[in-house]
Amino acid sequence: MSKLPPSFTSLYRLLLRASSASVLHQNASRKQLRRLFRPVFDVAARVVGDLQNNQLSRSERISRERFLTTFHQRMDGTLSLLLNSAQYRGIPHRALYNMNRLRKAHAIWVHGKYYSGSKNAWNSKPAAADNSKPRAPLRSRDIDRMERNRVHEHCWDALGEVVRMAEGRHNLSLGRLYLKPWTLEKR
């Protein structure tokens, strides 16, 4: 990929500085916000790289330019939210505080509960032969745990929809939660 334009990298640095100021330069909160906003900028950086490449058709170029226009408008709204959070300790500050808590709770849920044995966890033992003992039926607590995980997954999906609706209504970006590629399962 070619080098990103200075305006794009300075926008990312400005967002990092503003997010740090909005959480009173607390190290853990600053890192959580960086983890939220980094995936948004990764997608935008790919689009900028595609636009620098002259092998796009006219319709692809127009759609990517439209995406970048929307991206810049949303970043303006996000920067104003971060500025309000840094200057005043009102609703924007509480919203960012709660975003940090939700991001951390989501990470704990994903690593501790969601992928604990039920989602393609690596098994170091070789596969058993077909003539081995039959598996015991699932116990009620295992069924309850699987049901709880399913409900939690639906709750996180619903919260993600609410965040996307708020972003669209107020023309800002609140970041994205991404799992590491090696932990994803095809659904």
N, C-alpha and C. Protein backbone atom coordinates (compact mmCIF):
# COMPACT_ATOMS: atom_id res chain seq x y z
N MET A 1 0.84 -1.17 0.00
CA MET A 1 0.00 0.00 0.00
C MET A 1 0.89 1.23 0.00
N SER A 2 0.47 2.23 -0.73
CA SER A 2 1.25 3.45 -0.78
C SER A 2 1.05 4.24 0.51
N LYS A 3 1.85 5.26 0.66
CA LYS A 3 1.82 6.06 1.87
C LYS A 3 0.52 6.86 1.95
N LEU A 4 -0.02 6.95 3.15
CA LEU A 4 -1.26 7.70 3.35
C LEU A 4 -0.97 9.20 3.32
N PRO A 5 -1.93 9.99 2.88
CA PRO A 5 -1.71 11.44 2.83
C PRO A 5 -1.57 12.02 4.24
N PRO A 6 -0.81 13.10 4.38
CA PRO A 6 -0.61 13.70 5.71
C PRO A 6 -1.91 14.16 6.38
N SER A 7 -2.89 14.57 5.58
CA SER A 7 -4.15 15.02 6.19
C SER A 7 -4.85 13.85 6.90
N PHE A 8 -4.74 12.66 6.34
CA PHE A 8 -5.38 11.49 6.95
C PHE A 8 -4.67 11.10 8.25
N THR A 9 -3.35 11.04 8.21
CA THR A 9 -2.60 10.65 9.42
C THR A 9 -2.74 11.72 10.50
N SER A 10 -2.81 12.99 10.12
CA SER A 10 -2.98 14.02 11.14
C SER A 10 -4.38 13.96 11.75
N LEU A 11 -5.39 13.56 10.96
CA LEU A 11 -6.73 13.37 11.51
C LEU A 11 -6.72 12.25 12.55
N TYR A 12 -6.01 11.17 12.26
CA TYR A 12 -5.94 10.06 13.21
C TYR A 12 -5.22 10.50 14.49
N ARG A 13 -4.11 11.23 14.34
CA ARG A 13 -3.38 11.71 15.52
C ARG A 13 -4.23 12.68 16.34
N LEU A 14 -4.98 13.54 15.63
CA LEU A 14 -5.85 14.49 16.32
C LEU A 14 -6.93 13.75 17.11
N LEU A 15 -7.49 12.70 16.52
CA LEU A 15 -8.50 11.92 17.21
C LEU A 15 -7.89 11.24 18.44
N LEU A 16 -6.67 10.74 18.32
CA LEU A 16 -6.02 10.10 19.47
C LEU A 16 -5.78 11.11 20.59
N ARG A 17 -5.31 12.31 20.25
CA ARG A 17 -5.07 13.33 21.27
C ARG A 17 -6.39 13.78 21.91
N ALA A 18 -7.42 13.96 21.09
CA ALA A 18 -8.71 14.39 21.63
C ALA A 18 -9.32 13.31 22.52
N SER A 19 -9.20 12.05 22.12
CA SER A 19 -9.76 10.98 22.95
C SER A 19 -8.99 10.85 24.26
N SER A 20 -7.69 11.09 24.21
CA SER A 20 -6.90 11.05 25.45
C SER A 20 -7.32 12.17 26.39
N ALA A 21 -7.53 13.36 25.84
CA ALA A 21 -7.97 14.48 26.68
C ALA A 21 -9.38 14.26 27.21
N SER A 22 -10.21 13.60 26.43
CA SER A 22 -11.61 13.41 26.85
C SER A 22 -11.74 12.45 28.02
N VAL A 23 -10.76 11.59 28.22
CA VAL A 23 -10.80 10.66 29.36
C VAL A 23 -9.75 11.03 30.41
N LEU A 24 -9.38 12.32 30.38
CA LEU A 24 -8.45 12.88 31.37
C LEU A 24 -7.09 12.17 31.36
N HIS A 25 -6.67 11.74 30.19
CA HIS A 25 -5.37 11.11 29.96
C HIS A 25 -5.16 9.86 30.81
N GLN A 26 -6.23 9.18 31.16
CA GLN A 26 -6.10 7.92 31.90
C GLN A 26 -5.67 6.84 30.91
N ASN A 27 -4.61 6.16 31.24
CA ASN A 27 -3.96 5.24 30.31
C ASN A 27 -4.90 4.12 29.84
N ALA A 28 -5.58 3.46 30.75
CA ALA A 28 -6.44 2.33 30.37
C ALA A 28 -7.60 2.80 29.49
N SER A 29 -8.23 3.91 29.85
CA SER A 29 -9.35 4.43 29.05
C SER A 29 -8.88 4.88 27.68
N ARG A 30 -7.71 5.49 27.65
CA ARG A 30 -7.15 5.94 26.37
C ARG A 30 -6.91 4.76 25.44
N LYS A 31 -6.40 3.67 25.98
CA LYS A 31 -6.16 2.48 25.16
C LYS A 31 -7.46 1.87 24.67
N GLN A 32 -8.49 1.86 25.52
CA GLN A 32 -9.78 1.31 25.10
C GLN A 32 -10.37 2.12 23.95
N LEU A 33 -10.27 3.46 24.04
CA LEU A 33 -10.78 4.30 22.96
C LEU A 33 -9.98 4.09 21.68
N ARG A 34 -8.67 3.93 21.82
CA ARG A 34 -7.85 3.67 20.63
C ARG A 34 -8.26 2.36 19.97
N ARG A 35 -8.56 1.35 20.78
CA ARG A 35 -9.00 0.07 20.22
C ARG A 35 -10.37 0.17 19.56
N LEU A 36 -11.19 1.11 20.02
CA LEU A 36 -12.49 1.31 19.40
C LEU A 36 -12.38 2.02 18.05
N PHE A 37 -11.52 3.03 17.97
CA PHE A 37 -11.47 3.86 16.76
C PHE A 37 -10.49 3.34 15.71
N ARG A 38 -9.56 2.51 16.07
CA ARG A 38 -8.57 2.02 15.11
C ARG A 38 -9.20 1.25 13.94
N PRO A 39 -10.17 0.35 14.17
CA PRO A 39 -10.77 -0.36 13.03
C PRO A 39 -11.47 0.57 12.04
N VAL A 40 -12.06 1.66 12.52
CA VAL A 40 -12.71 2.62 11.63
C VAL A 40 -11.68 3.25 10.71
N PHE A 41 -10.53 3.61 11.27
CA PHE A 41 -9.48 4.22 10.47
C PHE A 41 -8.80 3.20 9.57
N ASP A 42 -8.75 1.94 9.97
CA ASP A 42 -8.19 0.92 9.09
C ASP A 42 -9.01 0.79 7.80
N VAL A 43 -10.34 0.78 7.95
CA VAL A 43 -11.21 0.69 6.78
C VAL A 43 -11.04 1.92 5.90
N ALA A 44 -11.00 3.10 6.51
CA ALA A 44 -10.83 4.33 5.75
C ALA A 44 -9.46 4.38 5.07
N ALA A 45 -8.44 3.84 5.71
CA ALA A 45 -7.10 3.82 5.10
C ALA A 45 -7.09 2.92 3.87
N ARG A 46 -7.82 1.80 3.93
CA ARG A 46 -7.92 0.95 2.74
C ARG A 46 -8.61 1.68 1.59
N VAL A 47 -9.63 2.45 1.91
CA VAL A 47 -10.34 3.21 0.88
C VAL A 47 -9.43 4.29 0.29
N VAL A 48 -8.67 4.97 1.14
CA VAL A 48 -7.73 5.97 0.64
C VAL A 48 -6.68 5.32 -0.25
N GLY A 49 -6.20 4.15 0.15
CA GLY A 49 -5.23 3.43 -0.68
C GLY A 49 -5.84 3.03 -2.01
N ASP A 50 -7.09 2.62 -2.01
CA ASP A 50 -7.77 2.28 -3.27
C ASP A 50 -7.90 3.50 -4.17
N LEU A 51 -8.19 4.65 -3.57
CA LEU A 51 -8.33 5.87 -4.37
C LEU A 51 -6.99 6.32 -4.95
N GLN A 52 -5.90 6.07 -4.23
CA GLN A 52 -4.58 6.42 -4.76
C GLN A 52 -4.20 5.51 -5.92
N ASN A 53 -4.78 4.31 -5.93
CA ASN A 53 -4.56 3.38 -7.03
C ASN A 53 -5.42 3.82 -8.21
N ASN A 54 -4.86 3.94 -9.38
CA ASN A 54 -5.60 4.44 -10.54
C ASN A 54 -6.30 3.34 -11.32
N GLN A 55 -6.51 2.19 -10.73
CA GLN A 55 -7.12 1.08 -11.45
C GLN A 55 -8.60 0.90 -11.11
N LEU A 56 -9.24 1.94 -10.60
CA LEU A 56 -10.65 1.86 -10.25
C LEU A 56 -11.52 2.35 -11.40
N SER A 57 -12.67 1.74 -11.53
CA SER A 57 -13.62 2.24 -12.52
C SER A 57 -14.26 3.53 -11.98
N ARG A 58 -14.96 4.21 -12.83
CA ARG A 58 -15.56 5.49 -12.44
C ARG A 58 -16.57 5.31 -11.30
N SER A 59 -17.40 4.28 -11.39
CA SER A 59 -18.42 4.07 -10.35
C SER A 59 -17.77 3.68 -9.01
N GLU A 60 -16.72 2.86 -9.06
CA GLU A 60 -16.01 2.49 -7.82
C GLU A 60 -15.35 3.71 -7.20
N ARG A 61 -14.76 4.54 -8.01
CA ARG A 61 -14.10 5.75 -7.51
C ARG A 61 -15.13 6.68 -6.85
N ILE A 62 -16.29 6.84 -7.49
CA ILE A 62 -17.33 7.71 -6.94
C ILE A 62 -17.84 7.17 -5.60
N SER A 63 -18.05 5.86 -5.51
CA SER A 63 -18.56 5.28 -4.26
C SER A 63 -17.53 5.42 -3.14
N ARG A 64 -16.25 5.27 -3.46
CA ARG A 64 -15.21 5.42 -2.43
C ARG A 64 -15.05 6.88 -2.01
N GLU A 65 -15.18 7.81 -2.95
CA GLU A 65 -15.12 9.23 -2.59
C GLU A 65 -16.31 9.61 -1.72
N ARG A 66 -17.47 9.05 -2.02
CA ARG A 66 -18.66 9.29 -1.20
C ARG A 66 -18.45 8.73 0.21
N PHE A 67 -17.85 7.55 0.31
CA PHE A 67 -17.54 6.96 1.62
C PHE A 67 -16.61 7.88 2.40
N LEU A 68 -15.57 8.40 1.76
CA LEU A 68 -14.63 9.27 2.46
C LEU A 68 -15.28 10.58 2.89
N THR A 69 -16.18 11.10 2.08
CA THR A 69 -16.90 12.32 2.48
C THR A 69 -17.72 12.07 3.74
N THR A 70 -18.43 10.96 3.76
CA THR A 70 -19.20 10.59 4.95
C THR A 70 -18.28 10.35 6.14
N PHE A 71 -17.15 9.70 5.90
CA PHE A 71 -16.18 9.43 6.96
C PHE A 71 -15.69 10.74 7.58
N HIS A 72 -15.34 11.71 6.76
CA HIS A 72 -14.84 12.99 7.29
C HIS A 72 -15.93 13.74 8.05
N GLN A 73 -17.17 13.69 7.57
CA GLN A 73 -18.26 14.33 8.31
C GLN A 73 -18.47 13.66 9.67
N ARG A 74 -18.39 12.35 9.69
CA ARG A 74 -18.57 11.64 10.96
C ARG A 74 -17.39 11.90 11.91
N MET A 75 -16.20 12.03 11.37
CA MET A 75 -15.06 12.33 12.23
C MET A 75 -15.17 13.74 12.81
N ASP A 76 -15.72 14.68 12.04
CA ASP A 76 -15.97 16.02 12.58
C ASP A 76 -16.92 15.94 13.77
N GLY A 77 -18.00 15.18 13.63
CA GLY A 77 -18.94 15.00 14.74
C GLY A 77 -18.30 14.31 15.92
N THR A 78 -17.45 13.33 15.65
CA THR A 78 -16.77 12.61 16.73
C THR A 78 -15.80 13.52 17.46
N LEU A 79 -15.07 14.33 16.71
CA LEU A 79 -14.13 15.26 17.35
C LEU A 79 -14.86 16.29 18.20
N SER A 80 -16.03 16.74 17.76
CA SER A 80 -16.78 17.68 18.60
C SER A 80 -17.29 17.00 19.86
N LEU A 81 -17.69 15.72 19.77
CA LEU A 81 -18.08 14.96 20.96
C LEU A 81 -16.91 14.83 21.92
N LEU A 82 -15.73 14.51 21.39
CA LEU A 82 -14.55 14.37 22.24
C LEU A 82 -14.15 15.70 22.87
N LEU A 83 -14.29 16.80 22.11
CA LEU A 83 -13.99 18.12 22.65
C LEU A 83 -14.95 18.47 23.79
N ASN A 84 -16.23 18.23 23.59
CA ASN A 84 -17.19 18.49 24.66
C ASN A 84 -16.91 17.64 25.89
N SER A 85 -16.50 16.40 25.67
CA SER A 85 -16.18 15.53 26.79
C SER A 85 -14.95 16.01 27.54
N ALA A 86 -13.98 16.58 26.81
CA ALA A 86 -12.77 17.06 27.46
C ALA A 86 -13.03 18.36 28.23
N GLN A 87 -13.92 19.21 27.72
CA GLN A 87 -14.15 20.50 28.36
C GLN A 87 -15.18 20.44 29.48
N TYR A 88 -16.22 19.65 29.31
CA TYR A 88 -17.31 19.60 30.27
C TYR A 88 -17.50 18.16 30.73
N ARG A 89 -17.88 17.99 31.95
CA ARG A 89 -18.06 16.65 32.50
C ARG A 89 -19.54 16.27 32.50
N GLY A 90 -20.21 16.48 31.40
CA GLY A 90 -21.64 16.21 31.30
C GLY A 90 -21.92 14.89 30.61
N ILE A 91 -22.96 14.90 29.78
CA ILE A 91 -23.41 13.70 29.10
C ILE A 91 -22.36 13.12 28.16
N PRO A 92 -21.64 13.94 27.35
CA PRO A 92 -20.61 13.34 26.49
C PRO A 92 -19.53 12.59 27.27
N HIS A 93 -19.16 13.15 28.42
CA HIS A 93 -18.13 12.49 29.23
C HIS A 93 -18.64 11.16 29.76
N ARG A 94 -19.89 11.12 30.22
CA ARG A 94 -20.46 9.87 30.71
C ARG A 94 -20.62 8.85 29.58
N ALA A 95 -20.97 9.35 28.38
CA ALA A 95 -21.13 8.44 27.25
C ALA A 95 -19.80 7.77 26.91
N LEU A 96 -18.71 8.53 26.90
CA LEU A 96 -17.40 7.94 26.62
C LEU A 96 -16.96 7.01 27.74
N TYR A 97 -17.26 7.37 28.96
CA TYR A 97 -16.94 6.50 30.09
C TYR A 97 -17.66 5.16 29.94
N ASN A 98 -18.94 5.22 29.59
CA ASN A 98 -19.71 3.99 29.43
C ASN A 98 -19.26 3.20 28.20
N MET A 99 -18.84 3.89 27.13
CA MET A 99 -18.29 3.19 25.96
C MET A 99 -17.05 2.40 26.35
N ASN A 100 -16.21 3.00 27.18
CA ASN A 100 -15.01 2.30 27.64
C ASN A 100 -15.38 1.07 28.45
N ARG A 101 -16.33 1.22 29.33
CA ARG A 101 -16.74 0.08 30.15
C ARG A 101 -17.35 -1.03 29.31
N LEU A 102 -18.17 -0.65 28.32
CA LEU A 102 -18.77 -1.65 27.44
C LEU A 102 -17.73 -2.36 26.60
N ARG A 103 -16.75 -1.63 26.11
CA ARG A 103 -15.70 -2.24 25.29
C ARG A 103 -14.90 -3.26 26.12
N LYS A 104 -14.59 -2.88 27.35
CA LYS A 104 -13.85 -3.80 28.22
C LYS A 104 -14.71 -5.01 28.59
N ALA A 105 -15.99 -4.78 28.88
CA ALA A 105 -16.89 -5.90 29.21
C ALA A 105 -17.05 -6.83 28.02
N HIS A 106 -17.09 -6.27 26.82
CA HIS A 106 -17.21 -7.10 25.63
C HIS A 106 -15.96 -7.96 25.45
N ALA A 107 -14.79 -7.37 25.65
CA ALA A 107 -13.54 -8.13 25.52
C ALA A 107 -13.48 -9.26 26.54
N ILE A 108 -13.89 -8.99 27.76
CA ILE A 108 -13.89 -10.03 28.79
C ILE A 108 -14.88 -11.12 28.43
N TRP A 109 -16.06 -10.74 27.95
CA TRP A 109 -17.06 -11.73 27.58
C TRP A 109 -16.58 -12.60 26.43
N VAL A 110 -15.98 -11.98 25.42
CA VAL A 110 -15.52 -12.75 24.26
C VAL A 110 -14.45 -13.74 24.66
N HIS A 111 -13.47 -13.29 25.40
CA HIS A 111 -12.34 -14.16 25.72
C HIS A 111 -12.65 -15.14 26.84
N GLY A 112 -13.50 -14.76 27.76
CA GLY A 112 -13.76 -15.64 28.90
C GLY A 112 -14.96 -16.53 28.76
N LYS A 113 -16.00 -16.04 28.12
CA LYS A 113 -17.24 -16.79 28.09
C LYS A 113 -17.60 -17.31 26.70
N TYR A 114 -17.52 -16.43 25.71
CA TYR A 114 -18.03 -16.77 24.39
C TYR A 114 -17.23 -17.89 23.73
N TYR A 115 -15.92 -17.85 23.85
CA TYR A 115 -15.09 -18.86 23.18
C TYR A 115 -14.57 -19.92 24.13
N SER A 116 -15.19 -20.08 25.29
CA SER A 116 -14.70 -21.08 26.25
C SER A 116 -15.24 -22.46 25.89
N GLY A 117 -14.61 -23.09 24.94
CA GLY A 117 -14.94 -24.46 24.61
C GLY A 117 -16.07 -24.64 23.62
N SER A 118 -16.84 -23.62 23.36
CA SER A 118 -18.00 -23.82 22.50
C SER A 118 -17.79 -23.33 21.07
N LYS A 119 -16.77 -22.55 20.82
CA LYS A 119 -16.59 -21.95 19.50
C LYS A 119 -15.21 -22.29 18.92
N ASN A 120 -15.09 -23.46 18.39
CA ASN A 120 -13.88 -23.88 17.70
C ASN A 120 -12.61 -23.73 18.54
N ALA A 121 -12.68 -24.02 19.80
CA ALA A 121 -11.49 -23.98 20.64
C ALA A 121 -10.55 -25.09 20.20
N TRP A 122 -9.27 -24.81 20.19
CA TRP A 122 -8.30 -25.79 19.75
C TRP A 122 -8.19 -26.89 20.79
N ASN A 123 -8.24 -28.13 20.33
CA ASN A 123 -8.14 -29.28 21.20
C ASN A 123 -6.80 -29.95 20.92
N SER A 124 -5.93 -30.00 21.93
CA SER A 124 -4.60 -30.56 21.72
C SER A 124 -4.60 -32.09 21.66
N LYS A 125 -5.67 -32.71 22.10
CA LYS A 125 -5.75 -34.17 22.07
C LYS A 125 -6.16 -34.63 20.68
N PRO A 126 -5.57 -35.72 20.19
CA PRO A 126 -5.97 -36.20 18.86
C PRO A 126 -7.41 -36.69 18.87
N ALA A 127 -8.00 -36.68 17.72
CA ALA A 127 -9.40 -37.11 17.59
C ALA A 127 -9.51 -38.58 17.99
N ALA A 128 -10.57 -38.88 18.71
CA ALA A 128 -10.79 -40.25 19.17
C ALA A 128 -11.30 -41.11 18.02
N ALA A 129 -11.04 -42.40 18.11
CA ALA A 129 -11.51 -43.32 17.08
C ALA A 129 -13.02 -43.49 17.19
N ASP A 130 -13.64 -44.01 16.14
CA ASP A 130 -15.08 -44.17 16.12
C ASP A 130 -15.58 -45.17 17.15
N ASN A 131 -14.72 -46.12 17.55
CA ASN A 131 -15.16 -47.15 18.48
C ASN A 131 -14.96 -46.75 19.95
N SER A 132 -14.72 -45.49 20.21
CA SER A 132 -14.54 -45.04 21.59
C SER A 132 -15.88 -44.97 22.30
N LYS A 133 -15.82 -44.66 23.57
CA LYS A 133 -17.04 -44.58 24.38
C LYS A 133 -17.96 -43.49 23.83
N PRO A 134 -19.25 -43.73 23.87
CA PRO A 134 -20.17 -42.68 23.42
C PRO A 134 -20.15 -41.50 24.38
N ARG A 135 -20.40 -40.32 23.84
CA ARG A 135 -20.40 -39.12 24.66
C ARG A 135 -21.63 -39.10 25.56
N ALA A 136 -21.44 -38.57 26.73
CA ALA A 136 -22.56 -38.44 27.66
C ALA A 136 -23.47 -37.31 27.17
N PRO A 137 -24.75 -37.43 27.42
CA PRO A 137 -25.65 -36.35 27.00
C PRO A 137 -25.33 -35.06 27.77
N LEU A 138 -25.69 -33.96 27.18
CA LEU A 138 -25.43 -32.67 27.82
C LEU A 138 -26.22 -32.55 29.11
N ARG A 139 -25.54 -32.02 30.11
CA ARG A 139 -26.21 -31.79 31.39
C ARG A 139 -27.01 -30.50 31.32
N SER A 140 -27.91 -30.34 32.23
CA SER A 140 -28.78 -29.16 32.20
C SER A 140 -27.97 -27.87 32.40
N ARG A 141 -26.91 -27.91 33.19
CA ARG A 141 -26.13 -26.69 33.39
C ARG A 141 -25.35 -26.33 32.12
N ASP A 142 -24.95 -27.34 31.32
CA ASP A 142 -24.30 -27.06 30.04
C ASP A 142 -25.28 -26.42 29.07
N ILE A 143 -26.50 -26.93 29.08
CA ILE A 143 -27.53 -26.36 28.21
C ILE A 143 -27.84 -24.93 28.64
N ASP A 144 -27.91 -24.70 29.96
CA ASP A 144 -28.16 -23.35 30.47
C ASP A 144 -27.03 -22.40 30.06
N ARG A 145 -25.79 -22.86 30.14
CA ARG A 145 -24.65 -22.03 29.77
C ARG A 145 -24.70 -21.68 28.29
N MET A 146 -25.03 -22.66 27.47
CA MET A 146 -25.12 -22.40 26.03
C MET A 146 -26.25 -21.42 25.73
N GLU A 147 -27.35 -21.54 26.43
CA GLU A 147 -28.47 -20.61 26.24
C GLU A 147 -28.10 -19.20 26.69
N ARG A 148 -27.40 -19.10 27.83
CA ARG A 148 -26.94 -17.79 28.31
C ARG A 148 -26.00 -17.14 27.30
N ASN A 149 -25.08 -17.93 26.76
CA ASN A 149 -24.16 -17.39 25.75
C ASN A 149 -24.91 -16.91 24.52
N ARG A 150 -25.95 -17.64 24.12
CA ARG A 150 -26.73 -17.23 22.96
C ARG A 150 -27.47 -15.93 23.24
N VAL A 151 -28.03 -15.80 24.45
CA VAL A 151 -28.73 -14.57 24.82
C VAL A 151 -27.75 -13.40 24.88
N HIS A 152 -26.58 -13.63 25.45
CA HIS A 152 -25.57 -12.57 25.51
C HIS A 152 -25.17 -12.13 24.11
N GLU A 153 -25.01 -13.08 23.22
CA GLU A 153 -24.64 -12.76 21.84
C GLU A 153 -25.73 -11.90 21.19
N HIS A 154 -26.97 -12.23 21.40
CA HIS A 154 -28.07 -11.43 20.85
C HIS A 154 -28.10 -10.04 21.47
N CYS A 155 -27.79 -9.93 22.75
CA CYS A 155 -27.75 -8.62 23.41
C CYS A 155 -26.65 -7.74 22.83
N TRP A 156 -25.45 -8.32 22.61
CA TRP A 156 -24.36 -7.53 22.02
C TRP A 156 -24.71 -7.12 20.60
N ASP A 157 -25.38 -8.00 19.84
CA ASP A 157 -25.80 -7.65 18.49
C ASP A 157 -26.80 -6.49 18.51
N ALA A 158 -27.74 -6.54 19.45
CA ALA A 158 -28.73 -5.46 19.55
C ALA A 158 -28.08 -4.15 19.95
N LEU A 159 -27.12 -4.21 20.87
CA LEU A 159 -26.40 -3.00 21.26
C LEU A 159 -25.63 -2.42 20.08
N GLY A 160 -25.06 -3.28 19.26
CA GLY A 160 -24.36 -2.80 18.07
C GLY A 160 -25.30 -2.09 17.11
N GLU A 161 -26.52 -2.60 16.98
CA GLU A 161 -27.50 -1.93 16.12
C GLU A 161 -27.87 -0.56 16.67
N VAL A 162 -28.02 -0.45 17.98
CA VAL A 162 -28.35 0.83 18.60
C VAL A 162 -27.22 1.83 18.37
N VAL A 163 -25.98 1.38 18.49
CA VAL A 163 -24.84 2.26 18.26
C VAL A 163 -24.82 2.74 16.81
N ARG A 164 -25.08 1.84 15.86
CA ARG A 164 -25.10 2.26 14.45
C ARG A 164 -26.22 3.25 14.17
N MET A 165 -27.38 3.06 14.81
CA MET A 165 -28.47 4.02 14.63
C MET A 165 -28.11 5.38 15.21
N ALA A 166 -27.47 5.40 16.37
CA ALA A 166 -27.06 6.66 16.98
C ALA A 166 -26.01 7.35 16.12
N GLU A 167 -25.11 6.58 15.54
CA GLU A 167 -24.09 7.17 14.66
C GLU A 167 -24.75 7.81 13.44
N GLY A 168 -25.71 7.14 12.87
CA GLY A 168 -26.38 7.69 11.69
C GLY A 168 -27.21 8.91 12.01
N ARG A 169 -27.87 8.89 13.14
CA ARG A 169 -28.73 10.02 13.49
C ARG A 169 -27.93 11.26 13.83
N HIS A 170 -26.83 11.10 14.57
CA HIS A 170 -26.06 12.25 15.03
C HIS A 170 -24.81 12.50 14.19
N ASN A 171 -24.64 11.74 13.12
CA ASN A 171 -23.54 11.93 12.17
C ASN A 171 -22.18 11.93 12.87
N LEU A 172 -21.91 10.87 13.61
CA LEU A 172 -20.61 10.70 14.24
C LEU A 172 -20.25 9.23 14.24
N SER A 173 -19.04 8.94 14.68
CA SER A 173 -18.58 7.56 14.75
C SER A 173 -18.23 7.22 16.19
N LEU A 174 -18.71 6.11 16.66
CA LEU A 174 -18.42 5.67 18.02
C LEU A 174 -17.47 4.48 18.05
N GLY A 175 -16.85 4.18 16.92
CA GLY A 175 -15.88 3.10 16.87
C GLY A 175 -16.52 1.77 16.51
N ARG A 176 -15.68 0.76 16.40
CA ARG A 176 -16.13 -0.59 16.07
C ARG A 176 -15.42 -1.59 16.97
N LEU A 177 -16.15 -2.65 17.30
CA LEU A 177 -15.57 -3.75 18.05
C LEU A 177 -15.21 -4.85 17.07
N TYR A 178 -13.95 -5.20 17.00
CA TYR A 178 -13.52 -6.28 16.13
C TYR A 178 -12.78 -7.32 16.94
N LEU A 179 -13.04 -8.57 16.61
CA LEU A 179 -12.29 -9.66 17.20
C LEU A 179 -11.06 -9.89 16.36
N LYS A 180 -10.06 -10.49 16.95
CA LYS A 180 -8.88 -10.83 16.17
C LYS A 180 -9.26 -11.91 15.17
N PRO A 181 -8.67 -11.87 13.96
CA PRO A 181 -9.11 -12.80 12.91
C PRO A 181 -9.02 -14.27 13.29
N TRP A 182 -8.06 -14.63 14.11
CA TRP A 182 -7.90 -16.05 14.43
C TRP A 182 -8.92 -16.52 15.46
N THR A 183 -9.73 -15.61 16.02
CA THR A 183 -10.76 -16.04 16.95
C THR A 183 -12.14 -16.05 16.34
N LEU A 184 -12.23 -15.61 15.10
CA LEU A 184 -13.54 -15.56 14.46
C LEU A 184 -13.96 -16.94 13.97
N GLU A 185 -15.25 -17.15 14.00
CA GLU A 185 -15.82 -18.37 13.46
C GLU A 185 -16.80 -17.98 12.38
N LYS A 186 -16.80 -18.72 11.29
CA LYS A 186 -17.77 -18.42 10.24
C LYS A 186 -19.14 -18.87 10.71
N ARG A 187 -20.09 -17.96 10.62
CA ARG A 187 -21.45 -18.27 11.07
C ARG A 187 -22.32 -18.53 9.89
